[in-house]
C-alpha atoms as a PDB file:
ATOM      1  CA  MET A   1      44.984  56.737  56.596  1.00  0.00           C
ATOM      2  CA  ALA A   2      41.650  55.704  57.123  1.00  0.00           C
ATOM      3  CA  GLY A   3      41.229  54.483  53.473  1.00  0.00           C
ATOM      4  CA  LYS A   4      44.269  52.351  53.507  1.00  0.00           C
ATOM      5  CA  LYS A   5      42.734  50.620  56.903  1.00  0.00           C
ATOM      6  CA  GLU A   6      39.534  49.508  55.070  1.00  0.00           C
ATOM      7  CA  VAL A   7      41.504  48.508  51.702  1.00  0.00           C
ATOM      8  CA  SER A   8      43.910  46.260  53.871  1.00  0.00           C
ATOM      9  CA  ARG A   9      40.921  45.000  55.857  1.00  0.00           C
ATOM     10  CA  TRP A  10      39.133  43.965  52.559  1.00  0.00           C
ATOM     11  CA  MET A  11      42.486  42.509  51.486  1.00  0.00           C
ATOM     12  CA  LYS A  12      42.480  40.354  54.530  1.00  0.00           C
ATOM     13  CA  ALA A  13      39.044  39.191  53.737  1.00  0.00           C
ATOM     14  CA  PHE A  14      39.247  38.181  50.361  1.00  0.00           C
ATOM     15  CA  ALA A  15      42.494  36.437  50.978  1.00  0.00           C
ATOM     16  CA  LYS A  16      40.671  34.426  53.749  1.00  0.00           C
ATOM     17  CA  ALA A  17      37.950  33.441  51.141  1.00  0.00           C
ATOM     18  CA  LYS A  18      40.062  32.595  48.534  1.00  0.00           C
ATOM     19  CA  ALA A  19      42.332  30.315  50.842  1.00  0.00           C
ATOM     20  CA  ALA A  20      39.072  28.514  52.149  1.00  0.00           C
ATOM     21  CA  LYS A  21      38.631  25.246  50.245  1.00  0.00           C
ATOM     22  CA  VAL A  22      35.548  24.246  48.501  1.00  0.00           C
ATOM     23  CA  ALA A  23      34.080  21.093  50.025  1.00  0.00           C
ATOM     24  CA  LYS A  24      33.378  18.776  47.057  1.00  0.00           C
ATOM     25  CA  PRO A  25      29.451  17.437  47.117  1.00  0.00           C
ATOM     26  CA  ALA A  26      29.235  13.772  46.889  1.00  0.00           C
ATOM     27  CA  PRO A  27      28.847  12.218  43.782  1.00  0.00           C
ATOM     28  CA  LEU A  28      25.054  11.596  44.044  1.00  0.00           C
ATOM     29  CA  GLU A  29      24.400  14.830  45.267  1.00  0.00           C
ATOM     30  CA  ARG A  30      25.543  16.885  42.304  1.00  0.00           C
ATOM     31  CA  TYR A  31      23.025  15.524  39.999  1.00  0.00           C
ATOM     32  CA  THR A  32      19.676  16.346  39.965  1.00  0.00           C
ATOM     33  CA  ASN A  33      16.538  14.603  38.581  1.00  0.00           C
ATOM     34  CA  LEU A  34      15.399  16.416  35.574  1.00  0.00           C
ATOM     35  CA  SER A  35      13.616  13.564  34.191  1.00  0.00           C
ATOM     36  CA  LEU A  36       9.943  15.125  35.415  1.00  0.00           C
ATOM     37  CA  GLY A  37       8.300  14.559  32.121  1.00  0.00           C
ATOM     38  CA  HIS A  38       4.870  13.602  33.520  1.00  0.00           C
ATOM     39  CA  ILE A  39       4.743  17.341  35.360  1.00  0.00           C
ATOM     40  CA  TRP A  40       6.081  19.239  32.192  1.00  0.00           C
ATOM     41  CA  GLU A  41       3.853  17.563  29.924  1.00  0.00           C
ATOM     42  CA  LYS A  42       0.742  19.741  30.808  1.00  0.00           C
ATOM     43  CA  PHE A  43       2.828  22.985  30.552  1.00  0.00           C
ATOM     44  CA  ASP A  44       4.668  21.832  27.232  1.00  0.00           C
ATOM     45  CA  CYS A  45       2.466  23.934  24.717  1.00  0.00           C
ATOM     46  CA  GLN A  46       5.083  25.454  22.493  1.00  0.00           C
ATOM     47  CA  THR A  47       4.925  22.970  19.851  1.00  0.00           C
ATOM     48  CA  GLN A  48       1.108  23.378  19.700  1.00  0.00           C
ATOM     49  CA  LEU A  49       1.344  27.134  19.711  1.00  0.00           C
ATOM     50  CA  LEU A  50       4.259  27.229  17.087  1.00  0.00           C
ATOM     51  CA  CYS A  51       2.120  24.714  14.755  1.00  0.00           C
ATOM     52  CA  ARG A  52      -1.054  26.820  14.905  1.00  0.00           C
ATOM     53  CA  GLU A  53       0.730  29.861  14.202  1.00  0.00           C
ATOM     54  CA  ALA A  54       2.297  28.454  10.931  1.00  0.00           C
ATOM     55  CA  MET A  55      -1.194  26.876  10.358  1.00  0.00           C
ATOM     56  CA  LEU A  56      -3.585  29.895  10.545  1.00  0.00           C
ATOM     57  CA  PRO A  57      -2.633  31.611   7.227  1.00  0.00           C
ATOM     58  CA  LEU A  58      -3.235  28.270   5.665  1.00  0.00           C
ATOM     59  CA  MET A  59      -6.559  27.715   7.403  1.00  0.00           C
ATOM     60  CA  GLN A  60      -7.558  30.949   6.434  1.00  0.00           C
ATOM     61  CA  ARG A  61      -7.079  30.167   2.810  1.00  0.00           C
ATOM     62  CA  ASN A  62      -8.402  26.527   3.056  1.00  0.00           C
ATOM     63  CA  PRO A  63     -10.678  25.637   5.734  1.00  0.00           C
ATOM     64  CA  GLU A  64     -10.892  22.301   5.032  1.00  0.00           C
ATOM     65  CA  LEU A  65      -7.562  21.990   6.197  1.00  0.00           C
ATOM     66  CA  LEU A  66      -8.818  22.025   9.887  1.00  0.00           C
ATOM     67  CA  ASP A  67     -11.071  18.919   9.467  1.00  0.00           C
ATOM     68  CA  MET A  68      -7.782  17.020   8.073  1.00  0.00           C
ATOM     69  CA  ILE A  69      -5.807  18.207  11.029  1.00  0.00           C
ATOM     70  CA  SER A  70      -8.639  16.811  13.314  1.00  0.00           C
ATOM     71  CA  SER A  71      -9.195  13.629  11.765  1.00  0.00           C
ATOM     72  CA  ALA A  72      -5.341  13.148  11.784  1.00  0.00           C
ATOM     73  CA  LYS A  73      -5.106  13.806  15.616  1.00  0.00           C
ATOM     74  CA  ALA A  74      -7.810  11.558  16.216  1.00  0.00           C
ATOM     75  CA  LYS A  75      -6.318   8.459  14.475  1.00  0.00           C
END
């Protein structure tokens, strides 16, 4: 019988939780300011890493490519 009491207790608890209405947040509280580009710029290095990974084999074959890339960035 102890098992049935436990089950009924949990069933009642879940029924109460289901019956409780969730309060909707105010419209302005739903949105988060994700425009933090000025902060993420210093951590955004994926593009550079992928570019370097793709360029490494080419630079081994043609070392002058490194000079061309650095001069293009300087412009």
